[in-house]
């Protein structure tokens, strides 16, 4: 599996952990208003993965890079696992975003019907890499 030089897997773990801290701070600070703020924060953070976003590994510099397709969903799994999202939460979010996408020649999942099985497997790989500590956040002094 190939990955772009500028999107190290540790970055996604670091970002997931950082965003989790921010979301927890928002949740604990202002009751219902804090919950709404935390949800808005999480939604904005996940938008970084959208097509053309800064974390979209398969479309860097405005060009499509098929060699990074698998890595892009591994990165989503790494981020979501570090952020404390459940597998079901992130796959449901991926499924919503994938509506209207054309995955020609790929087998779609039976539960997340807009996602290729390949995407599910790569997201799961990201979770496994994080949960097994094979990819961890970078330690900061």
Protein backbone atom coordinates (compact mmCIF):
# COMPACT_ATOMS: atom_id res chain seq x y z
CA UNK A 1 0.00 0.00 0.00
CA UNK A 2 1.34 3.41 -0.92
CA UNK A 3 0.86 6.66 0.95
CA UNK A 4 1.61 10.25 0.03
CA UNK A 5 4.75 11.66 1.64
CA UNK A 6 2.91 14.52 3.35
CA UNK A 7 0.26 12.44 5.10
CA UNK A 8 2.04 10.28 7.67
CA UNK A 9 -0.22 7.82 9.52
CA UNK A 10 0.93 9.22 12.87
CA UNK A 11 -0.53 12.57 11.83
CA UNK A 12 -4.05 11.09 11.71
CA UNK A 13 -3.62 9.50 15.14
CA UNK A 14 -2.29 12.76 16.60
CA UNK A 15 -5.15 14.70 15.04
CA UNK A 16 -7.77 12.20 16.24
CA UNK A 17 -6.42 12.39 19.80
CA UNK A 18 -6.22 16.20 19.70
CA UNK A 19 -9.75 16.54 18.34
CA UNK A 20 -11.08 14.09 20.95
CA UNK A 21 -9.63 16.31 23.71
CA UNK A 22 -11.24 19.39 22.19
CA UNK A 23 -14.61 17.64 21.80
CA UNK A 24 -14.49 16.44 25.43
CA UNK A 25 -13.67 19.97 26.61
CA UNK A 26 -16.63 21.35 24.68
CA UNK A 27 -18.93 18.63 26.04
CA UNK A 28 -17.93 19.29 29.64
CA UNK A 29 -18.10 23.05 29.42
CA UNK A 30 -21.61 24.10 28.47
CA UNK A 31 -24.32 21.43 28.71
CA UNK A 32 -26.50 21.15 25.62
CA UNK A 33 -24.73 24.07 23.99
CA UNK A 34 -21.43 22.26 24.54
CA UNK A 35 -22.82 19.09 22.98
CA UNK A 36 -23.89 21.02 19.89
CA UNK A 37 -20.47 22.70 19.73
CA UNK A 38 -18.71 19.33 20.04
CA UNK A 39 -20.83 17.87 17.24
CA UNK A 40 -20.06 20.88 15.05
CA UNK A 41 -16.37 20.52 15.82
CA UNK A 42 -16.40 16.79 14.92
CA UNK A 43 -18.31 17.47 11.70
CA UNK A 44 -15.83 20.16 10.67
CA UNK A 45 -12.88 17.89 11.50
CA UNK A 46 -14.27 15.00 9.44
CA UNK A 47 -14.83 17.39 6.53
CA UNK A 48 -11.03 17.48 6.14
CA UNK A 49 -11.38 14.00 4.56
CA UNK A 50 -13.96 15.08 1.99
CA UNK A 51 -13.13 15.16 -1.69
CA UNK A 52 -10.52 17.84 -2.24
CA UNK A 53 -10.04 18.42 1.48
CA UNK A 54 -6.60 18.75 3.07
CA UNK A 55 -6.67 15.12 4.28
CA UNK A 56 -8.00 13.65 1.01
CA UNK A 57 -5.04 11.38 0.25
CA UNK A 58 -6.36 10.30 -3.13
CA UNK A 59 -6.82 13.79 -4.56
CA UNK A 60 -3.72 15.74 -3.63
CA UNK A 61 -2.98 18.91 -5.54
CA UNK A 62 -6.27 18.67 -7.42
CA UNK A 63 -5.26 15.43 -9.16
CA UNK A 64 -6.59 11.93 -8.61
CA UNK A 65 -3.99 9.45 -7.34
CA UNK A 66 -5.32 5.88 -7.57
CA UNK A 67 -2.24 4.54 -5.81
CA UNK A 68 -3.44 6.20 -2.59
CA UNK A 69 -7.07 4.99 -2.63
CA UNK A 70 -6.54 2.28 -0.02
CA UNK A 71 -4.45 4.48 2.23
CA UNK A 72 -7.12 7.17 2.27
CA UNK A 73 -9.59 4.93 4.10
CA UNK A 74 -6.90 3.48 6.36
CA UNK A 75 -6.23 7.09 7.41
CA UNK A 76 -9.92 7.56 8.19
CA UNK A 77 -9.83 4.46 10.39
CA UNK A 78 -6.72 5.68 12.20
CA UNK A 79 -8.29 9.07 12.87
CA UNK A 80 -11.64 7.67 13.99
CA UNK A 81 -10.08 5.06 16.28
CA UNK A 82 -7.85 7.65 17.96
CA UNK A 83 -10.82 10.00 18.24
CA UNK A 84 -12.86 7.35 20.06
CA UNK A 85 -15.49 7.00 17.36
CA UNK A 86 -17.05 3.58 17.02
CA UNK A 87 -16.55 1.63 13.83
CA UNK A 88 -20.27 1.97 13.15
CA UNK A 89 -20.19 5.78 13.54
CA UNK A 90 -17.39 6.31 11.05
CA UNK A 91 -18.68 3.75 8.55
CA UNK A 92 -22.14 5.33 8.67
CA UNK A 93 -20.53 8.73 8.02
CA UNK A 94 -18.46 7.31 5.15
CA UNK A 95 -21.58 5.69 3.72
CA UNK A 96 -23.50 8.99 3.71
CA UNK A 97 -20.64 10.78 1.96
CA UNK A 98 -20.34 7.97 -0.60
CA UNK A 99 -23.95 8.36 -1.77
CA UNK A 100 -23.90 9.27 -5.41
CA UNK A 101 -20.37 8.01 -5.92
CA UNK A 102 -19.73 5.56 -8.73
CA UNK A 103 -17.60 2.61 -7.72
CA UNK A 104 -17.50 0.83 -11.04
CA UNK A 105 -16.63 -2.85 -10.86
CA UNK A 106 -16.38 -2.91 -7.07
CA UNK A 107 -18.44 -5.04 -4.73
CA UNK A 108 -20.51 -2.89 -2.37
CA UNK A 109 -21.01 -3.76 1.29
CA UNK A 110 -24.35 -5.25 2.37
CA UNK A 111 -24.70 -3.01 5.45
CA UNK A 112 -23.07 0.20 4.23
CA UNK A 113 -24.58 -0.07 0.78
CA UNK A 114 -22.82 2.91 -0.79
CA UNK A 115 -19.33 1.73 0.21
CA UNK A 116 -17.13 -0.79 -1.53
CA UNK A 117 -16.10 -3.72 0.65
CA UNK A 118 -12.53 -2.55 0.06
CA UNK A 119 -13.26 0.71 1.90
CA UNK A 120 -14.71 -1.18 4.89
CA UNK A 121 -11.65 -3.42 5.05
CA UNK A 122 -9.27 -0.45 4.88
CA UNK A 123 -11.16 1.46 7.58
CA UNK A 124 -10.99 -1.68 9.74
CA UNK A 125 -7.26 -1.89 9.04
CA UNK A 126 -6.86 1.67 10.35
CA UNK A 127 -8.69 0.70 13.55
CA UNK A 128 -6.53 -2.40 13.93
CA UNK A 129 -3.30 -0.48 13.37
CA UNK A 130 -4.26 2.01 16.08
CA UNK A 131 -5.72 -0.47 18.57
CA UNK A 132 -2.70 -2.78 18.23
CA UNK A 133 -0.35 0.20 18.75
CA UNK A 134 1.33 -0.44 15.41
CA UNK A 135 0.58 3.19 14.58
CA UNK A 136 0.56 5.56 17.52
CA UNK A 137 0.61 9.28 18.00
CA UNK A 138 3.91 11.05 18.12
CA UNK A 139 5.08 11.96 21.58
CA UNK A 140 5.33 15.68 22.15
CA UNK A 141 7.49 17.14 24.89
